[in-house]
Amino acid sequence: ANNNMIIRADELWVFGPISNGVLFEIQLAMQLGKAVRFFSVGPR
């Protein structure tokens, strides 16, 4: 279901350190030619 949402999304925005699952999502988005953007994250 997550992968299908990535397929339908216009872009992938990545927040915080990359886990194995997020790495796969980045690779999928890049394979699909989607823009991938990165952001820091914290409690505020």
ModelCIF file with pLDDT and N, C-alpha, C, O atoms, coordinates in Angstrom:
data_MODEL
#
_entry.id   MODEL 
#
_entity.id                         1 
_entity.type                       polymer 
_entity.pdbx_number_of_molecules   1 
#
_entity_poly.entity_id                      1 
_entity_poly.type                           'polypeptide(L)' 
_entity_poly.nstd_linkage                   no 
_entity_poly.nstd_monomer                   no 
_entity_poly.pdbx_seq_one_letter_code       ANNNMIIRADELWVFGPISNGVLFEIQLAMQLGKAVRFFSVGPR 
_entity_poly.pdbx_seq_one_letter_code_can   ANNNMIIRADELWVFGPISNGVLFEIQLAMQLGKAVRFFSVGPR 
_entity_poly.pdbx_strand_id                 A 
#
loop_
_entity_poly_seq.entity_id 
_entity_poly_seq.num 
_entity_poly_seq.mon_id 
_entity_poly_seq.hetero 
1 1  ALA n 
1 2  ASN n 
1 3  ASN n 
1 4  ASN n 
1 5  MET n 
1 6  ILE n 
1 7  ILE n 
1 8  ARG n 
1 9  ALA n 
1 10 ASP n 
1 11 GLU n 
1 12 LEU n 
1 13 TRP n 
1 14 VAL n 
1 15 PHE n 
1 16 GLY n 
1 17 PRO n 
1 18 ILE n 
1 19 SER n 
1 20 ASN n 
1 21 GLY n 
1 22 VAL n 
1 23 LEU n 
1 24 PHE n 
1 25 GLU n 
1 26 ILE n 
1 27 GLN n 
1 28 LEU n 
1 29 ALA n 
1 30 MET n 
1 31 GLN n 
1 32 LEU n 
1 33 GLY n 
1 34 LYS n 
1 35 ALA n 
1 36 VAL n 
1 37 ARG n 
1 38 PHE n 
1 39 PHE n 
1 40 SER n 
1 41 VAL n 
1 42 GLY n 
1 43 PRO n 
1 44 ARG n 
#
_struct_asym.id          A 
_struct_asym.entity_id   1 
#
loop_
_ma_qa_metric.id 
_ma_qa_metric.mode 
_ma_qa_metric.name 
_ma_qa_metric.software_group_id 
_ma_qa_metric.type 
1 global pLDDT . pLDDT 
2 local  pLDDT . pLDDT 
#
_ma_qa_metric_global.metric_id      1 
_ma_qa_metric_global.metric_value   93.09 
_ma_qa_metric_global.model_id       1 
_ma_qa_metric_global.ordinal_id     1 
#
loop_
_ma_qa_metric_local.label_asym_id 
_ma_qa_metric_local.label_comp_id 
_ma_qa_metric_local.label_seq_id 
_ma_qa_metric_local.metric_id 
_ma_qa_metric_local.metric_value 
_ma_qa_metric_local.model_id 
_ma_qa_metric_local.ordinal_id 
A ALA 1  2 86.00 1 1  
A ASN 2  2 88.00 1 2  
A ASN 3  2 90.00 1 3  
A ASN 4  2 92.00 1 4  
A MET 5  2 92.00 1 5  
A ILE 6  2 95.00 1 6  
A ILE 7  2 96.00 1 7  
A ARG 8  2 95.00 1 8  
A ALA 9  2 97.00 1 9  
A ASP 10 2 97.00 1 10 
A GLU 11 2 97.00 1 11 
A LEU 12 2 96.00 1 12 
A TRP 13 2 96.00 1 13 
A VAL 14 2 95.00 1 14 
A PHE 15 2 96.00 1 15 
A GLY 16 2 95.00 1 16 
A PRO 17 2 93.00 1 17 
A ILE 18 2 92.00 1 18 
A SER 19 2 88.00 1 19 
A ASN 20 2 87.00 1 20 
A GLY 21 2 87.00 1 21 
A VAL 22 2 90.00 1 22 
A LEU 23 2 91.00 1 23 
A PHE 24 2 87.00 1 24 
A GLU 25 2 92.00 1 25 
A ILE 26 2 93.00 1 26 
A GLN 27 2 91.00 1 27 
A LEU 28 2 93.00 1 28 
A ALA 29 2 94.00 1 29 
A MET 30 2 93.00 1 30 
A GLN 31 2 93.00 1 31 
A LEU 32 2 95.00 1 32 
A GLY 33 2 94.00 1 33 
A LYS 34 2 95.00 1 34 
A ALA 35 2 95.00 1 35 
A VAL 36 2 94.00 1 36 
A ARG 37 2 95.00 1 37 
A PHE 38 2 95.00 1 38 
A PHE 39 2 97.00 1 39 
A SER 40 2 96.00 1 40 
A VAL 41 2 95.00 1 41 
A GLY 42 2 92.00 1 42 
A PRO 43 2 92.00 1 43 
A ARG 44 2 94.00 1 44 
#
loop_
_atom_site.group_PDB 
_atom_site.id 
_atom_site.type_symbol 
_atom_site.label_atom_id 
_atom_site.label_alt_id 
_atom_site.label_comp_id 
_atom_site.label_asym_id 
_atom_site.label_entity_id 
_atom_site.label_seq_id 
_atom_site.pdbx_PDB_ins_code 
_atom_site.Cartn_x 
_atom_site.Cartn_y 
_atom_site.Cartn_z 
_atom_site.occupancy 
_atom_site.B_iso_or_equiv 
_atom_site.pdbx_formal_charge 
_atom_site.auth_seq_id 
_atom_site.auth_comp_id 
_atom_site.auth_asym_id 
_atom_site.auth_atom_id 
_atom_site.pdbx_PDB_model_num 
ATOM 1   N N  . ALA A 1 1  ? 0.837  -1.209 0.000   1.00 86.00 ? 1  ALA A N  1 
ATOM 2   C CA . ALA A 1 1  ? 0.000  0.000  0.000   1.00 86.00 ? 1  ALA A CA 1 
ATOM 3   C C  . ALA A 1 1  ? 0.870  1.256  0.000   1.00 86.00 ? 1  ALA A C  1 
ATOM 4   O O  . ALA A 1 1  ? 0.598  2.197  -0.745  1.00 86.00 ? 1  ALA A O  1 
ATOM 5   N N  . ASN A 1 2  ? 1.916  1.275  0.833   1.00 88.00 ? 2  ASN A N  1 
ATOM 6   C CA . ASN A 1 2  ? 2.834  2.416  0.840   1.00 88.00 ? 2  ASN A CA 1 
ATOM 7   C C  . ASN A 1 2  ? 3.455  2.619  -0.538  1.00 88.00 ? 2  ASN A C  1 
ATOM 8   O O  . ASN A 1 2  ? 3.504  3.742  -1.040  1.00 88.00 ? 2  ASN A O  1 
ATOM 9   N N  . ASN A 1 3  ? 3.922  1.548  -1.143  1.00 90.00 ? 3  ASN A N  1 
ATOM 10  C CA . ASN A 1 3  ? 4.563  1.651  -2.456  1.00 90.00 ? 3  ASN A CA 1 
ATOM 11  C C  . ASN A 1 3  ? 3.586  2.166  -3.505  1.00 90.00 ? 3  ASN A C  1 
ATOM 12  O O  . ASN A 1 3  ? 3.978  2.920  -4.396  1.00 90.00 ? 3  ASN A O  1 
ATOM 13  N N  . ASN A 1 4  ? 2.333  1.774  -3.414  1.00 92.00 ? 4  ASN A N  1 
ATOM 14  C CA . ASN A 1 4  ? 1.321  2.281  -4.338  1.00 92.00 ? 4  ASN A CA 1 
ATOM 15  C C  . ASN A 1 4  ? 1.077  3.772  -4.125  1.00 92.00 ? 4  ASN A C  1 
ATOM 16  O O  . ASN A 1 4  ? 0.822  4.504  -5.081  1.00 92.00 ? 4  ASN A O  1 
ATOM 17  N N  . MET A 1 5  ? 1.156  4.218  -2.881  1.00 92.00 ? 5  MET A N  1 
ATOM 18  C CA . MET A 1 5  ? 1.002  5.656  -2.624  1.00 92.00 ? 5  MET A CA 1 
ATOM 19  C C  . MET A 1 5  ? 2.186  6.432  -3.183  1.00 92.00 ? 5  MET A C  1 
ATOM 20  O O  . MET A 1 5  ? 2.015  7.549  -3.672  1.00 92.00 ? 5  MET A O  1 
ATOM 21  N N  . ILE A 1 6  ? 3.384  5.855  -3.118  1.00 95.00 ? 6  ILE A N  1 
ATOM 22  C CA . ILE A 1 6  ? 4.555  6.510  -3.712  1.00 95.00 ? 6  ILE A CA 1 
ATOM 23  C C  . ILE A 1 6  ? 4.367  6.612  -5.225  1.00 95.00 ? 6  ILE A C  1 
ATOM 24  O O  . ILE A 1 6  ? 4.671  7.644  -5.822  1.00 95.00 ? 6  ILE A O  1 
ATOM 25  N N  . ILE A 1 7  ? 3.872  5.554  -5.836  1.00 96.00 ? 7  ILE A N  1 
ATOM 26  C CA . ILE A 1 7  ? 3.617  5.568  -7.280  1.00 96.00 ? 7  ILE A CA 1 
ATOM 27  C C  . ILE A 1 7  ? 2.661  6.689  -7.650  1.00 96.00 ? 7  ILE A C  1 
ATOM 28  O O  . ILE A 1 7  ? 2.845  7.334  -8.682  1.00 96.00 ? 7  ILE A O  1 
ATOM 29  N N  . ARG A 1 8  ? 1.662  6.931  -6.846  1.00 95.00 ? 8  ARG A N  1 
ATOM 30  C CA . ARG A 1 8  ? 0.647  7.943  -7.142  1.00 95.00 ? 8  ARG A CA 1 
ATOM 31  C C  . ARG A 1 8  ? 1.052  9.359  -6.742  1.00 95.00 ? 8  ARG A C  1 
ATOM 32  O O  . ARG A 1 8  ? 0.501  10.332 -7.259  1.00 95.00 ? 8  ARG A O  1 
ATOM 33  N N  . ALA A 1 9  ? 2.010  9.479  -5.826  1.00 97.00 ? 9  ALA A N  1 
ATOM 34  C CA . ALA A 1 9  ? 2.442  10.795 -5.355  1.00 97.00 ? 9  ALA A CA 1 
ATOM 35  C C  . ALA A 1 9  ? 3.245  11.511 -6.433  1.00 97.00 ? 9  ALA A C  1 
ATOM 36  O O  . ALA A 1 9  ? 3.817  10.885 -7.325  1.00 97.00 ? 9  ALA A O  1 
ATOM 37  N N  . ASP A 1 10 ? 3.273  12.835 -6.332  1.00 97.00 ? 10 ASP A N  1 
ATOM 38  C CA . ASP A 1 10 ? 4.067  13.636 -7.255  1.00 97.00 ? 10 ASP A CA 1 
ATOM 39  C C  . ASP A 1 10 ? 5.539  13.669 -6.857  1.00 97.00 ? 10 ASP A C  1 
ATOM 40  O O  . ASP A 1 10 ? 6.420  13.699 -7.717  1.00 97.00 ? 10 ASP A O  1 
ATOM 41  N N  . GLU A 1 11 ? 5.802  13.664 -5.553  1.00 97.00 ? 11 GLU A N  1 
ATOM 42  C CA . GLU A 1 11 ? 7.168  13.750 -5.046  1.00 97.00 ? 11 GLU A CA 1 
ATOM 43  C C  . GLU A 1 11 ? 7.296  12.902 -3.791  1.00 97.00 ? 11 GLU A C  1 
ATOM 44  O O  . GLU A 1 11 ? 6.301  12.500 -3.187  1.00 97.00 ? 11 GLU A O  1 
ATOM 45  N N  . LEU A 1 12 ? 8.545  12.638 -3.408  1.00 96.00 ? 12 LEU A N  1 
ATOM 46  C CA . LEU A 1 12 ? 8.855  11.972 -2.150  1.00 96.00 ? 12 LEU A CA 1 
ATOM 47  C C  . LEU A 1 12 ? 9.644  12.957 -1.303  1.00 96.00 ? 12 LEU A C  1 
ATOM 48  O O  . LEU A 1 12 ? 10.676 13.470 -1.736  1.00 96.00 ? 12 LEU A O  1 
ATOM 49  N N  . TRP A 1 13 ? 9.157  13.220 -0.094  1.00 96.00 ? 13 TRP A N  1 
ATOM 50  C CA . TRP A 1 13 ? 9.856  14.075 0.848   1.00 96.00 ? 13 TRP A CA 1 
ATOM 51  C C  . TRP A 1 13 ? 10.356 13.195 1.981   1.00 96.00 ? 13 TRP A C  1 
ATOM 52  O O  . TRP A 1 13 ? 9.569  12.498 2.622   1.00 96.00 ? 13 TRP A O  1 
ATOM 53  N N  . VAL A 1 14 ? 11.649 13.221 2.228   1.00 95.00 ? 14 VAL A N  1 
ATOM 54  C CA . VAL A 1 14 ? 12.288 12.371 3.226   1.00 95.00 ? 14 VAL A CA 1 
ATOM 55  C C  . VAL A 1 14 ? 12.632 13.211 4.447   1.00 95.00 ? 14 VAL A C  1 
ATOM 56  O O  . VAL A 1 14 ? 13.241 14.275 4.331   1.00 95.00 ? 14 VAL A O  1 
ATOM 57  N N  . PHE A 1 15 ? 12.238 12.725 5.614   1.00 96.00 ? 15 PHE A N  1 
ATOM 58  C CA . PHE A 1 15 ? 12.459 13.451 6.864   1.00 96.00 ? 15 PHE A CA 1 
ATOM 59  C C  . PHE A 1 15 ? 13.357 12.644 7.788   1.00 96.00 ? 15 PHE A C  1 
ATOM 60  O O  . PHE A 1 15 ? 13.092 11.476 8.070   1.00 96.00 ? 15 PHE A O  1 
ATOM 61  N N  . GLY A 1 16 ? 14.425 13.288 8.256   1.00 95.00 ? 16 GLY A N  1 
ATOM 62  C CA . GLY A 1 16 ? 15.306 12.668 9.233   1.00 95.00 ? 16 GLY A CA 1 
ATOM 63  C C  . GLY A 1 16 ? 16.212 11.594 8.651   1.00 95.00 ? 16 GLY A C  1 
ATOM 64  O O  . GLY A 1 16 ? 16.275 11.408 7.435   1.00 95.00 ? 16 GLY A O  1 
ATOM 65  N N  . PRO A 1 17 ? 16.918 10.885 9.540   1.00 93.00 ? 17 PRO A N  1 
ATOM 66  C CA . PRO A 1 17 ? 17.834 9.831  9.098   1.00 93.00 ? 17 PRO A CA 1 
ATOM 67  C C  . PRO A 1 17 ? 17.109 8.732  8.315   1.00 93.00 ? 17 PRO A C  1 
ATOM 68  O O  . PRO A 1 17 ? 15.962 8.393  8.607   1.00 93.00 ? 17 PRO A O  1 
ATOM 69  N N  . ILE A 1 18 ? 17.794 8.195  7.331   1.00 92.00 ? 18 ILE A N  1 
ATOM 70  C CA . ILE A 1 18 ? 17.212 7.211  6.418   1.00 92.00 ? 18 ILE A CA 1 
ATOM 71  C C  . ILE A 1 18 ? 17.360 5.800  6.978   1.00 92.00 ? 18 ILE A C  1 
ATOM 72  O O  . ILE A 1 18 ? 18.463 5.351  7.286   1.00 92.00 ? 18 ILE A O  1 
ATOM 73  N N  . SER A 1 19 ? 16.234 5.115  7.101   1.00 88.00 ? 19 SER A N  1 
ATOM 74  C CA . SER A 1 19 ? 16.199 3.711  7.533   1.00 88.00 ? 19 SER A CA 1 
ATOM 75  C C  . SER A 1 19 ? 16.210 2.826  6.293   1.00 88.00 ? 19 SER A C  1 
ATOM 76  O O  . SER A 1 19 ? 16.160 3.325  5.169   1.00 88.00 ? 19 SER A O  1 
ATOM 77  N N  . ASN A 1 20 ? 16.276 1.514  6.500   1.00 87.00 ? 20 ASN A N  1 
ATOM 78  C CA . ASN A 1 20 ? 16.227 0.584  5.362   1.00 87.00 ? 20 ASN A CA 1 
ATOM 79  C C  . ASN A 1 20 ? 14.938 0.751  4.555   1.00 87.00 ? 20 ASN A C  1 
ATOM 80  O O  . ASN A 1 20 ? 14.971 0.772  3.324   1.00 87.00 ? 20 ASN A O  1 
ATOM 81  N N  . GLY A 1 21 ? 13.801 0.870  5.251   1.00 87.00 ? 21 GLY A N  1 
ATOM 82  C CA . GLY A 1 21 ? 12.524 1.033  4.554   1.00 87.00 ? 21 GLY A CA 1 
ATOM 83  C C  . GLY A 1 21 ? 12.459 2.325  3.764   1.00 87.00 ? 21 GLY A C  1 
ATOM 84  O O  . GLY A 1 21 ? 11.965 2.343  2.637   1.00 87.00 ? 21 GLY A O  1 
ATOM 85  N N  . VAL A 1 22 ? 12.956 3.409  4.347   1.00 90.00 ? 22 VAL A N  1 
ATOM 86  C CA . VAL A 1 22 ? 12.970 4.699  3.655   1.00 90.00 ? 22 VAL A CA 1 
ATOM 87  C C  . VAL A 1 22 ? 13.930 4.646  2.466   1.00 90.00 ? 22 VAL A C  1 
ATOM 88  O O  . VAL A 1 22 ? 13.651 5.229  1.418   1.00 90.00 ? 22 VAL A O  1 
ATOM 89  N N  . LEU A 1 23 ? 15.044 3.957  2.622   1.00 91.00 ? 23 LEU A N  1 
ATOM 90  C CA . LEU A 1 23 ? 15.980 3.797  1.509   1.00 91.00 ? 23 LEU A CA 1 
ATOM 91  C C  . LEU A 1 23 ? 15.291 3.130  0.318   1.00 91.00 ? 23 LEU A C  1 
ATOM 92  O O  . LEU A 1 23 ? 15.469 3.553  -0.825  1.00 91.00 ? 23 LEU A O  1 
ATOM 93  N N  . PHE A 1 24 ? 14.507 2.090  0.589   1.00 87.00 ? 24 PHE A N  1 
ATOM 94  C CA . PHE A 1 24 ? 13.762 1.431  -0.486  1.00 87.00 ? 24 PHE A CA 1 
ATOM 95  C C  . PHE A 1 24 ? 12.787 2.409  -1.139  1.00 87.00 ? 24 PHE A C  1 
ATOM 96  O O  . PHE A 1 24 ? 12.657 2.433  -2.363  1.00 87.00 ? 24 PHE A O  1 
ATOM 97  N N  . GLU A 1 25 ? 12.096 3.222  -0.319  1.00 92.00 ? 25 GLU A N  1 
ATOM 98  C CA . GLU A 1 25 ? 11.134 4.191  -0.852  1.00 92.00 ? 25 GLU A CA 1 
ATOM 99  C C  . GLU A 1 25 ? 11.823 5.228  -1.735  1.00 92.00 ? 25 GLU A C  1 
ATOM 100 O O  . GLU A 1 25 ? 11.281 5.626  -2.766  1.00 92.00 ? 25 GLU A O  1 
ATOM 101 N N  . ILE A 1 26 ? 13.012 5.664  -1.334  1.00 93.00 ? 26 ILE A N  1 
ATOM 102 C CA . ILE A 1 26 ? 13.785 6.613  -2.141  1.00 93.00 ? 26 ILE A CA 1 
ATOM 103 C C  . ILE A 1 26 ? 14.152 5.974  -3.477  1.00 93.00 ? 26 ILE A C  1 
ATOM 104 O O  . ILE A 1 26 ? 13.996 6.581  -4.536  1.00 93.00 ? 26 ILE A O  1 
ATOM 105 N N  . GLN A 1 27 ? 14.640 4.744  -3.405  1.00 91.00 ? 27 GLN A N  1 
ATOM 106 C CA . GLN A 1 27 ? 15.039 4.050  -4.632  1.00 91.00 ? 27 GLN A CA 1 
ATOM 107 C C  . GLN A 1 27 ? 13.847 3.876  -5.579  1.00 91.00 ? 27 GLN A C  1 
ATOM 108 O O  . GLN A 1 27 ? 13.985 4.042  -6.791  1.00 91.00 ? 27 GLN A O  1 
ATOM 109 N N  . LEU A 1 28 ? 12.683 3.543  -5.026  1.00 93.00 ? 28 LEU A N  1 
ATOM 110 C CA . LEU A 1 28 ? 11.485 3.395  -5.847  1.00 93.00 ? 28 LEU A CA 1 
ATOM 111 C C  . LEU A 1 28 ? 11.112 4.722  -6.499  1.00 93.00 ? 28 LEU A C  1 
ATOM 112 O O  . LEU A 1 28 ? 10.845 4.775  -7.699  1.00 93.00 ? 28 LEU A O  1 
ATOM 113 N N  . ALA A 1 29 ? 11.093 5.790  -5.709  1.00 94.00 ? 29 ALA A N  1 
ATOM 114 C CA . ALA A 1 29 ? 10.739 7.108  -6.249  1.00 94.00 ? 29 ALA A CA 1 
ATOM 115 C C  . ALA A 1 29 ? 11.710 7.536  -7.340  1.00 94.00 ? 29 ALA A C  1 
ATOM 116 O O  . ALA A 1 29 ? 11.295 8.071  -8.368  1.00 94.00 ? 29 ALA A O  1 
ATOM 117 N N  . MET A 1 30 ? 12.990 7.304  -7.122  1.00 93.00 ? 30 MET A N  1 
ATOM 118 C CA . MET A 1 30 ? 13.990 7.678  -8.118  1.00 93.00 ? 30 MET A CA 1 
ATOM 119 C C  . MET A 1 30 ? 13.820 6.844  -9.393  1.00 93.00 ? 30 MET A C  1 
ATOM 120 O O  . MET A 1 30 ? 13.959 7.357  -10.504 1.00 93.00 ? 30 MET A O  1 
ATOM 121 N N  . GLN A 1 31 ? 13.522 5.577  -9.222  1.00 93.00 ? 31 GLN A N  1 
ATOM 122 C CA . GLN A 1 31 ? 13.286 4.690  -10.362 1.00 93.00 ? 31 GLN A CA 1 
ATOM 123 C C  . GLN A 1 31 ? 12.107 5.192  -11.194 1.00 93.00 ? 31 GLN A C  1 
ATOM 124 O O  . GLN A 1 31 ? 12.095 5.059  -12.418 1.00 93.00 ? 31 GLN A O  1 
ATOM 125 N N  . LEU A 1 32 ? 11.119 5.769  -10.515 1.00 95.00 ? 32 LEU A N  1 
ATOM 126 C CA . LEU A 1 32 ? 9.928  6.292  -11.181 1.00 95.00 ? 32 LEU A CA 1 
ATOM 127 C C  . LEU A 1 32 ? 10.131 7.714  -11.718 1.00 95.00 ? 32 LEU A C  1 
ATOM 128 O O  . LEU A 1 32 ? 9.233  8.280  -12.343 1.00 95.00 ? 32 LEU A O  1 
ATOM 129 N N  . GLY A 1 33 ? 11.310 8.283  -11.473 1.00 94.00 ? 33 GLY A N  1 
ATOM 130 C CA . GLY A 1 33 ? 11.607 9.625  -11.956 1.00 94.00 ? 33 GLY A CA 1 
ATOM 131 C C  . GLY A 1 33 ? 10.978 10.730 -11.130 1.00 94.00 ? 33 GLY A C  1 
ATOM 132 O O  . GLY A 1 33 ? 10.799 11.842 -11.627 1.00 94.00 ? 33 GLY A O  1 
ATOM 133 N N  . LYS A 1 34 ? 10.643 10.453 -9.894  1.00 95.00 ? 34 LYS A N  1 
ATOM 134 C CA . LYS A 1 34 ? 10.008 11.452 -9.030  1.00 95.00 ? 34 LYS A CA 1 
ATOM 135 C C  . LYS A 1 34 ? 11.067 12.293 -8.321  1.00 95.00 ? 34 LYS A C  1 
ATOM 136 O O  . LYS A 1 34 ? 12.162 11.810 -8.033  1.00 95.00 ? 34 LYS A O  1 
ATOM 137 N N  . ALA A 1 35 ? 10.741 13.532 -8.046  1.00 95.00 ? 35 ALA A N  1 
ATOM 138 C CA . ALA A 1 35 ? 11.625 14.388 -7.268  1.00 95.00 ? 35 ALA A CA 1 
ATOM 139 C C  . ALA A 1 35 ? 11.693 13.848 -5.847  1.00 95.00 ? 35 ALA A C  1 
ATOM 140 O O  . ALA A 1 35 ? 10.683 13.434 -5.279  1.00 95.00 ? 35 ALA A O  1 
ATOM 141 N N  . VAL A 1 36 ? 12.896 13.857 -5.279  1.00 94.00 ? 36 VAL A N  1 
ATOM 142 C CA . VAL A 1 36 ? 13.111 13.426 -3.895  1.00 94.00 ? 36 VAL A CA 1 
ATOM 143 C C  . VAL A 1 36 ? 13.760 14.594 -3.167  1.00 94.00 ? 36 VAL A C  1 
ATOM 144 O O  . VAL A 1 36 ? 14.786 15.116 -3.603  1.00 94.00 ? 36 VAL A O  1 
ATOM 145 N N  . ARG A 1 37 ? 13.162 14.994 -2.070  1.00 95.00 ? 37 ARG A N  1 
ATOM 146 C CA . ARG A 1 37 ? 13.657 16.128 -1.287  1.00 95.00 ? 37 ARG A CA 1 
ATOM 147 C C  . ARG A 1 37 ? 13.924 15.657 0.138   1.00 95.00 ? 37 ARG A C  1 
ATOM 148 O O  . ARG A 1 37 ? 13.258 14.750 0.637   1.00 95.00 ? 37 ARG A O  1 
ATOM 149 N N  . PHE A 1 38 ? 14.897 16.276 0.781   1.00 95.00 ? 38 PHE A N  1 
ATOM 150 C CA . PHE A 1 38 ? 15.324 15.843 2.106   1.00 95.00 ? 38 PHE A CA 1 
ATOM 151 C C  . PHE A 1 38 ? 15.164 16.971 3.119   1.00 95.00 ? 38 PHE A C  1 
ATOM 152 O O  . PHE A 1 38 ? 15.397 18.141 2.814   1.00 95.00 ? 38 PHE A O  1 
ATOM 153 N N  . PHE A 1 39 ? 14.760 16.590 4.335   1.00 97.00 ? 39 PHE A N  1 
ATOM 154 C CA . PHE A 1 39 ? 14.529 17.553 5.404   1.00 97.00 ? 39 PHE A CA 1 
ATOM 155 C C  . PHE A 1 39 ? 15.064 17.011 6.731   1.00 97.00 ? 39 PHE A C  1 
ATOM 156 O O  . PHE A 1 39 ? 15.078 15.803 6.969   1.00 97.00 ? 39 PHE A O  1 
ATOM 157 N N  . SER A 1 40 ? 15.498 17.928 7.577   1.00 96.00 ? 40 SER A N  1 
ATOM 158 C CA . SER A 1 40 ? 15.833 17.557 8.951   1.00 96.00 ? 40 SER A CA 1 
ATOM 159 C C  . SER A 1 40 ? 14.515 17.401 9.696   1.00 96.00 ? 40 SER A C  1 
ATOM 160 O O  . SER A 1 40 ? 13.454 17.737 9.169   1.00 96.00 ? 40 SER A O  1 
ATOM 161 N N  . VAL A 1 41 ? 14.583 16.897 10.909  1.00 95.00 ? 41 VAL A N  1 
ATOM 162 C CA . VAL A 1 41 ? 13.374 16.745 11.718  1.00 95.00 ? 41 VAL A CA 1 
ATOM 163 C C  . VAL A 1 41 ? 13.756 16.805 13.185  1.00 95.00 ? 41 VAL A C  1 
ATOM 164 O O  . VAL A 1 41 ? 14.902 16.542 13.551  1.00 95.00 ? 41 VAL A O  1 
ATOM 165 N N  . GLY A 1 42 ? 12.809 17.144 14.004  1.00 92.00 ? 42 GLY A N  1 
ATOM 166 C CA . GLY A 1 42 ? 13.016 17.201 15.448  1.00 92.00 ? 42 GLY A CA 1 
ATOM 167 C C  . GLY A 1 42 ? 11.679 17.313 16.139  1.00 92.00 ? 42 GLY A C  1 
ATOM 168 O O  . GLY A 1 42 ? 10.636 17.179 15.501  1.00 92.00 ? 42 GLY A O  1 
ATOM 169 N N  . PRO A 1 43 ? 11.697 17.557 17.445  1.00 92.00 ? 43 PRO A N  1 
ATOM 170 C CA . PRO A 1 43 ? 10.442 17.594 18.193  1.00 92.00 ? 43 PRO A CA 1 
ATOM 171 C C  . PRO A 1 43 ? 9.611  18.869 17.995  1.00 92.00 ? 43 PRO A C  1 
ATOM 172 O O  . PRO A 1 43 ? 8.471  18.940 18.453  1.00 92.00 ? 43 PRO A O  1 
ATOM 173 N N  . ARG A 1 44 ? 10.179 19.876 17.315  1.00 94.00 ? 44 ARG A N  1 
ATOM 174 C CA . ARG A 1 44 ? 9.452  21.126 17.084  1.00 94.00 ? 44 ARG A CA 1 
ATOM 175 C C  . ARG A 1 44 ? 9.344  21.397 15.590  1.00 94.00 ? 44 ARG A C  1 
ATOM 176 O O  . ARG A 1 44 ? 8.765  22.405 15.186  1.00 94.00 ? 44 ARG A O  1 
#
